[in-house]
Amino acid sequence: MSIIKKLKMSLLPPSSNSFHAAVTEQRIKAEELNALITDEQRAVTELKQQVLQQINEMLDQNKNLLTKVDEINLLCGSRNLLESIEQFVTVSILHQKSFAGYKNKYSGHTVVLCGAGESLSYYEPIEGAIHIAVNRAFLLNKVKFDYIFSQDFRGISHIQQELKEYEGNNCVKFFGYQNGNISEIPESFAMECNAVRFYTDIGIGVDNDFARNITNSKFAVDILTTPLGNFWSSIFPPLQFILYTHPSKIYIVGCDCIGGHFDNRKQTDQEIEQHKEEILINWSTNGKINPQLLQHWQGLKDFANRYYPDTEIVSINPLGLKGLFVDEYTDNFIRGQNSSPL
């Protein structure tokens, strides 16, 4: 056969049979590819195993890397680099479920964060605002809360039934992990509350130790992939969540940082005094906010100014936080202060 004839034949369109066979082959390949990507959880697990295997192989091949690993371990506050990597992968998997859809969710809205300090009793609800309670703050009957955040079981253990039954405004309950800390919220109780779980950085990159954690926690920008900064305070994780939703204004209420709680139901006098003593030891000095805690609040302010400069933060009836943000005082609080100071 001549070269010209072969060339002409190669330029002819494929027969219907060969074309059908090609389409069928591509369809089979597409189905096989689709089957590979349908099981997201399996793919993530396999990826994690591959990463850990590669790191193990790398360490086996070059023992000199062990020195560098120790240095990295010291920097990240963990004794086991591989464990830390696995923890961060686990955090990312959970948070992409827990916090999906919340980025910029409240852009243009007002969000009120309610701590459980004594000044909360003076709060008059802001109409149309999103309300978030920390620990027992949901007991404030004047507000139907949209969210509850808790990570310290000691702050809610005496009101478990109330928390389980609370509905509020279709309230979503977020319970934080503290990675085995003594105040860890039991998984069984979280399930009873139908709570959404999230991780704080205590025990993840930061030692499960008060002195080290309070100085080494970090504020999270992308909460889908990183644990929320713990700082040994239940107030900072919800603040990081709120900033992620990007509201135009945040009101902080009941974050007194000194004194007791607005509601002490189901607590003995001994328990109430014991908690006040704990606040005096850890969070206040001579009736004022502890300098280290104030430093973290200043860090939160700097963090917000850097990443969310268009979000205004206002303190309502501040005590320990006086002068840090924009301060607003209500008439009933002023009258209460004059007659019976907190």
Protein backbone atom coordinates (compact mmCIF):
# COMPACT_ATOMS: atom_id res chain seq x y z
CA MET A 1 0.00 0.00 0.00
CA SER A 2 1.36 3.41 -0.91
CA ILE A 3 2.24 5.98 1.75
CA ILE A 4 -0.33 8.43 0.33
CA LYS A 5 -3.11 5.81 0.56
CA LYS A 6 -2.19 5.00 4.17
CA LEU A 7 -2.28 8.72 5.01
CA LYS A 8 -5.72 9.15 3.47
CA MET A 9 -7.08 6.18 5.41
CA SER A 10 -5.73 7.59 8.68
CA LEU A 11 -7.59 10.82 8.07
CA LEU A 12 -10.95 9.13 7.56
CA PRO A 13 -13.51 9.50 10.44
CA PRO A 14 -13.74 6.47 12.75
CA SER A 15 -16.39 3.89 12.08
CA SER A 16 -19.51 3.94 14.24
CA ASN A 17 -18.40 0.74 15.98
CA SER A 18 -14.98 2.08 16.91
CA PHE A 19 -16.52 5.40 17.98
CA HIS A 20 -19.06 3.59 20.20
CA ALA A 21 -16.28 1.50 21.71
CA ALA A 22 -14.27 4.64 22.48
CA VAL A 23 -17.26 6.31 24.14
CA THR A 24 -17.98 3.18 26.16
CA GLU A 25 -14.36 3.02 27.28
CA GLN A 26 -14.44 6.65 28.39
CA ARG A 27 -17.71 6.11 30.23
CA ILE A 28 -16.24 3.16 32.11
CA LYS A 29 -13.22 5.22 33.03
CA ALA A 30 -15.49 8.06 34.24
CA GLU A 31 -17.50 5.64 36.39
CA GLU A 32 -14.34 4.20 37.85
CA LEU A 33 -13.05 7.70 38.62
CA ASN A 34 -16.36 8.68 40.20
CA ALA A 35 -16.24 5.59 42.42
CA LEU A 36 -12.81 6.64 43.60
CA ILE A 37 -13.92 10.07 44.79
CA THR A 38 -17.32 9.22 46.28
CA ASP A 39 -15.91 7.97 49.57
CA GLU A 40 -14.44 11.20 50.99
CA GLN A 41 -13.76 9.80 54.43
CA ARG A 42 -11.78 6.87 53.07
CA ALA A 43 -9.71 9.17 50.88
CA VAL A 44 -8.87 11.44 53.81
CA THR A 45 -7.92 8.48 55.97
CA GLU A 46 -5.69 7.04 53.27
CA LEU A 47 -4.04 10.41 52.72
CA LYS A 48 -3.31 10.70 56.44
CA GLN A 49 -1.80 7.24 56.48
CA GLN A 50 0.34 8.03 53.45
CA VAL A 51 1.65 11.23 55.02
CA LEU A 52 2.52 9.47 58.26
CA GLN A 53 4.16 6.59 56.35
CA GLN A 54 6.27 8.98 54.30
CA ILE A 55 7.42 10.79 57.42
CA ASN A 56 8.32 7.49 59.08
CA GLU A 57 10.28 6.40 56.01
CA MET A 58 12.07 9.73 55.89
CA LEU A 59 13.07 9.43 59.54
CA ASP A 60 14.29 5.85 59.02
CA GLN A 61 16.41 6.88 56.05
CA ASN A 62 18.11 9.74 57.78
CA LYS A 63 18.65 9.43 61.52
CA ASN A 64 20.20 12.88 61.60
CA LEU A 65 16.72 14.30 61.14
CA LEU A 66 15.86 13.24 64.69
CA THR A 67 17.66 16.30 66.03
CA LYS A 68 15.53 18.54 63.83
CA VAL A 69 12.41 16.67 64.87
CA ASP A 70 13.21 17.35 68.53
CA GLU A 71 13.63 21.04 67.74
CA ILE A 72 10.29 21.15 65.96
CA ASN A 73 8.68 19.28 68.85
CA LEU A 74 9.91 21.95 71.26
CA LEU A 75 8.56 24.71 69.04
CA CYS A 76 5.11 23.19 68.70
CA GLY A 77 4.94 22.18 72.35
CA SER A 78 4.43 18.49 71.65
CA ARG A 79 6.54 15.47 72.54
CA ASN A 80 5.51 13.60 69.44
CA LEU A 81 5.65 15.24 66.02
CA LEU A 82 3.72 12.46 64.32
CA GLU A 83 0.97 12.69 66.93
CA SER A 84 0.73 16.45 66.41
CA ILE A 85 0.39 16.03 62.66
CA GLU A 86 -2.33 13.44 63.13
CA GLN A 87 -4.13 15.74 65.60
CA PHE A 88 -4.13 18.65 63.17
CA VAL A 89 -5.50 16.43 60.39
CA THR A 90 -8.23 15.28 62.80
CA VAL A 91 -9.04 18.89 63.70
CA SER A 92 -9.37 19.82 60.05
CA ILE A 93 -11.72 16.92 59.31
CA LEU A 94 -13.99 17.77 62.27
CA HIS A 95 -14.00 21.56 61.82
CA GLN A 96 -14.89 21.36 58.14
CA LYS A 97 -18.08 19.70 59.31
CA SER A 98 -18.70 21.76 62.45
CA PHE A 99 -18.00 25.22 61.01
CA ALA A 100 -18.99 24.75 57.37
CA GLY A 101 -21.10 27.65 56.10
CA TYR A 102 -20.24 30.09 58.90
CA LYS A 103 -17.64 32.19 57.06
CA ASN A 104 -19.16 35.69 56.63
CA LYS A 105 -22.53 34.26 57.73
CA TYR A 106 -23.37 37.35 59.81
CA SER A 107 -21.81 39.99 57.60
CA GLY A 108 -23.73 43.24 58.21
CA HIS A 109 -25.34 41.88 61.39
CA THR A 110 -24.85 42.50 65.11
CA VAL A 111 -23.70 39.69 67.40
CA VAL A 112 -23.87 39.80 71.21
CA LEU A 113 -21.56 37.57 73.23
CA CYS A 114 -22.83 36.99 76.76
CA GLY A 115 -20.50 35.85 79.51
CA ALA A 116 -21.95 34.78 82.85
CA GLY A 117 -20.55 37.59 85.01
CA GLU A 118 -22.71 39.46 87.50
CA SER A 119 -23.14 42.44 85.16
CA LEU A 120 -25.10 40.25 82.70
CA SER A 121 -28.22 40.72 84.82
CA TYR A 122 -28.29 44.40 83.73
CA TYR A 123 -28.29 43.61 80.02
CA GLU A 124 -31.29 44.73 77.97
CA PRO A 125 -31.54 42.57 74.83
CA ILE A 126 -30.68 44.20 71.51
CA GLU A 127 -33.48 43.54 69.06
CA GLY A 128 -32.52 41.64 65.93
CA ALA A 129 -29.06 40.70 67.19
CA ILE A 130 -27.58 37.22 67.17
CA HIS A 131 -27.03 36.13 70.78
CA ILE A 132 -24.33 33.70 71.92
CA ALA A 133 -24.13 32.42 75.50
CA VAL A 134 -21.01 31.12 77.24
CA ASN A 135 -21.60 28.38 79.80
CA ARG A 136 -24.44 29.27 82.21
CA ALA A 137 -25.23 32.59 80.48
CA PHE A 138 -28.07 30.82 78.61
CA LEU A 139 -30.01 30.93 81.91
CA LEU A 140 -30.71 34.61 81.25
CA ASN A 141 -34.44 34.41 80.63
CA LYS A 142 -34.62 37.75 78.81
CA VAL A 143 -32.82 36.30 75.78
CA LYS A 144 -33.55 33.38 73.47
CA PHE A 145 -30.03 32.42 72.53
CA ASP A 146 -29.00 31.33 69.05
CA TYR A 147 -25.81 29.59 70.18
CA ILE A 148 -24.22 28.24 73.35
CA PHE A 149 -20.47 27.72 73.67
CA SER A 150 -18.89 25.67 76.41
CA GLN A 151 -15.61 23.83 76.89
CA ASP A 152 -15.32 23.67 80.68
CA PHE A 153 -17.54 21.05 82.29
CA ARG A 154 -17.12 22.70 85.69
CA GLY A 155 -19.05 25.68 84.37
CA ILE A 156 -22.10 23.63 83.37
CA SER A 157 -22.03 20.42 85.44
CA HIS A 158 -24.58 21.76 87.95
CA ILE A 159 -27.11 22.69 85.20
CA GLN A 160 -26.90 19.66 82.93
CA GLN A 161 -30.63 19.11 82.69
CA GLU A 162 -31.32 22.76 81.88
CA LEU A 163 -28.68 22.69 79.16
CA LYS A 164 -29.99 19.47 77.63
CA GLU A 165 -33.54 20.83 77.51
CA TYR A 166 -32.67 24.35 76.31
CA GLU A 167 -34.16 25.27 72.94
CA GLY A 168 -33.80 29.06 72.73
CA ASN A 169 -33.98 30.34 69.16
CA ASN A 170 -33.29 26.96 67.52
CA CYS A 171 -30.13 27.08 69.60
CA VAL A 172 -26.97 25.36 68.33
CA LYS A 173 -24.74 24.09 71.11
CA PHE A 174 -20.99 24.07 70.51
CA PHE A 175 -18.91 22.01 72.96
CA GLY A 176 -15.13 22.26 72.80
CA TYR A 177 -12.62 19.48 73.33
CA GLN A 178 -9.78 20.18 75.76
CA ASN A 179 -7.95 16.95 74.92
CA GLY A 180 -8.23 15.14 78.22
CA ASN A 181 -8.04 18.13 80.54
CA ILE A 182 -9.66 17.64 83.95
CA SER A 183 -12.54 19.93 82.92
CA GLU A 184 -13.27 17.98 79.71
CA ILE A 185 -16.95 17.80 78.75
CA PRO A 186 -17.90 14.09 78.64
CA GLU A 187 -18.67 12.80 75.17
CA SER A 188 -21.81 11.11 76.50
CA PHE A 189 -23.19 14.44 77.75
CA ALA A 190 -22.33 16.18 74.48
CA MET A 191 -24.33 13.54 72.61
CA GLU A 192 -27.28 13.99 74.96
CA CYS A 193 -27.20 17.72 74.15
CA ASN A 194 -26.84 17.02 70.42
CA ALA A 195 -23.82 19.32 70.57
CA VAL A 196 -21.54 20.25 67.71
CA ARG A 197 -17.93 19.53 68.69
CA PHE A 198 -14.79 21.57 68.06
CA TYR A 199 -11.18 21.48 69.19
CA THR A 200 -9.28 24.03 71.23
CA ASP A 201 -5.49 24.13 71.06
CA ILE A 202 -4.91 22.88 74.58
CA GLY A 203 -2.97 19.65 74.11
CA ILE A 204 -2.64 20.27 70.35
CA GLY A 205 0.60 22.06 69.65
CA VAL A 206 0.30 23.52 73.16
CA ASP A 207 0.96 21.48 76.30
CA ASN A 208 -1.95 20.51 78.51
CA ASP A 209 -0.57 22.73 81.22
CA PHE A 210 -2.00 25.98 82.56
CA ALA A 211 1.20 28.04 82.64
CA ARG A 212 2.33 27.04 79.15
CA ASN A 213 -1.08 27.03 77.49
CA ILE A 214 -2.09 30.46 78.68
CA THR A 215 1.02 31.97 77.10
CA ASN A 216 1.24 29.84 73.93
CA SER A 217 -2.35 29.63 72.67
CA LYS A 218 -2.94 31.26 69.28
CA PHE A 219 -5.99 32.97 67.84
CA ALA A 220 -7.34 31.07 64.82
CA VAL A 221 -7.97 32.83 61.52
CA ASP A 222 -9.19 29.84 59.51
CA ILE A 223 -11.26 27.90 62.01
CA LEU A 224 -12.04 25.27 59.36
CA THR A 225 -8.52 23.90 59.58
CA THR A 226 -7.07 24.91 62.95
CA PRO A 227 -8.06 24.53 66.62
CA LEU A 228 -9.47 27.56 68.41
CA GLY A 229 -7.15 29.34 70.82
CA ASN A 230 -7.98 28.19 74.34
CA PHE A 231 -6.05 30.53 76.67
CA TRP A 232 -7.68 28.64 79.57
CA SER A 233 -10.78 30.78 79.13
CA SER A 234 -14.20 29.79 77.74
CA ILE A 235 -14.72 33.26 76.27
CA PHE A 236 -12.03 33.29 73.58
CA PRO A 237 -13.15 30.36 71.35
CA PRO A 238 -16.63 31.86 70.72
CA LEU A 239 -15.00 35.23 69.99
CA GLN A 240 -12.89 33.59 67.29
CA PHE A 241 -16.05 31.97 65.90
CA ILE A 242 -17.88 35.31 65.91
CA LEU A 243 -15.07 37.10 64.08
CA TYR A 244 -15.08 34.32 61.48
CA THR A 245 -18.76 35.09 60.80
CA HIS A 246 -17.68 38.70 60.17
CA PRO A 247 -20.45 40.80 61.77
CA SER A 248 -20.42 44.57 61.54
CA LYS A 249 -20.60 44.92 65.34
CA ILE A 250 -19.87 42.73 68.35
CA TYR A 251 -21.25 43.53 71.80
CA ILE A 252 -19.49 41.92 74.76
CA VAL A 253 -21.69 41.54 77.86
CA GLY A 254 -21.11 39.89 81.22
CA CYS A 255 -17.37 39.37 80.67
CA ASP A 256 -16.48 40.94 84.00
CA CYS A 257 -13.17 39.11 84.55
CA ILE A 258 -13.67 39.82 88.25
CA GLY A 259 -16.35 38.85 90.77
CA GLY A 260 -18.86 36.00 90.53
CA HIS A 261 -21.78 34.91 88.34
CA PHE A 262 -25.17 36.45 87.66
CA ASP A 263 -26.90 33.13 88.42
CA ASN A 264 -25.84 30.67 91.13
CA ARG A 265 -28.75 28.25 91.11
CA LYS A 266 -28.04 24.69 92.25
CA GLN A 267 -24.74 25.72 93.82
CA THR A 268 -23.91 25.64 97.50
CA ASP A 269 -22.43 28.64 99.26
CA GLN A 270 -19.17 26.72 99.49
CA GLU A 271 -19.08 26.14 95.71
CA ILE A 272 -19.84 29.79 95.03
CA GLU A 273 -17.06 30.98 97.31
CA GLN A 274 -14.67 28.39 95.92
CA HIS A 275 -15.24 29.67 92.38
CA LYS A 276 -14.78 33.29 93.45
CA GLU A 277 -11.51 32.29 95.07
CA GLU A 278 -10.44 30.60 91.83
CA ILE A 279 -11.18 33.80 89.90
CA LEU A 280 -9.15 35.80 92.42
CA ILE A 281 -6.20 33.42 92.05
CA ASN A 282 -6.22 33.02 88.27
CA TRP A 283 -7.95 36.00 86.72
CA SER A 284 -7.88 39.03 89.01
CA THR A 285 -5.39 40.92 91.13
CA ASN A 286 -6.45 43.34 93.87
CA GLY A 287 -9.96 43.58 92.44
CA LYS A 288 -8.68 44.21 88.90
CA ILE A 289 -8.26 41.96 85.89
CA ASN A 290 -5.13 39.81 85.98
CA PRO A 291 -2.42 41.46 83.80
CA GLN A 292 -1.83 38.23 81.90
CA LEU A 293 -5.53 37.83 81.10
CA LEU A 294 -5.71 41.49 80.09
CA GLN A 295 -2.78 40.85 77.77
CA HIS A 296 -4.80 38.12 76.02
CA TRP A 297 -7.76 40.45 75.68
CA GLN A 298 -5.41 43.02 74.16
CA GLY A 299 -4.18 40.25 71.85
CA LEU A 300 -7.77 39.57 70.83
CA LYS A 301 -8.28 43.25 70.08
CA ASP A 302 -5.09 43.37 67.98
CA PHE A 303 -6.14 40.17 66.18
CA ALA A 304 -9.56 41.63 65.36
CA ASN A 305 -8.06 44.92 64.16
CA ARG A 306 -5.64 43.08 61.91
CA TYR A 307 -8.03 40.62 60.28
CA TYR A 308 -11.44 42.26 60.75
CA PRO A 309 -10.82 46.04 60.94
CA ASP A 310 -14.38 46.79 59.81
CA THR A 311 -15.92 44.97 62.79
CA GLU A 312 -16.59 47.23 65.77
CA ILE A 313 -16.31 45.75 69.27
CA VAL A 314 -18.28 47.33 72.13
CA SER A 315 -18.26 46.42 75.84
CA ILE A 316 -21.58 46.85 77.65
CA ASN A 317 -21.17 47.73 81.33
CA PRO A 318 -17.51 46.63 81.43
CA LEU A 319 -15.68 46.08 84.70
CA GLY A 320 -12.36 44.33 84.14
CA LEU A 321 -12.35 45.28 80.44
CA LYS A 322 -13.04 48.95 81.03
CA GLY A 323 -11.20 51.13 78.52
CA LEU A 324 -10.12 48.30 76.21
CA PHE A 325 -12.92 48.55 73.63
CA VAL A 326 -15.68 51.11 73.10
CA ASP A 327 -17.51 51.27 76.46
CA GLU A 328 -21.27 51.69 76.87
CA TYR A 329 -23.06 51.79 80.21
CA THR A 330 -26.79 51.31 80.73
CA ASP A 331 -28.81 53.43 83.15
CA ASN A 332 -29.90 50.46 85.24
CA PHE A 333 -26.28 49.35 85.63
CA ILE A 334 -25.21 52.83 86.76
CA ARG A 335 -28.03 52.92 89.29
CA GLY A 336 -27.09 49.45 90.50
CA GLN A 337 -23.46 50.45 90.86
CA ASN A 338 -24.36 53.49 92.91
CA SER A 339 -26.63 51.57 95.24
CA SER A 340 -24.77 48.25 95.46
CA PRO A 341 -21.42 48.06 93.67
CA LEU A 342 -20.47 44.76 92.08
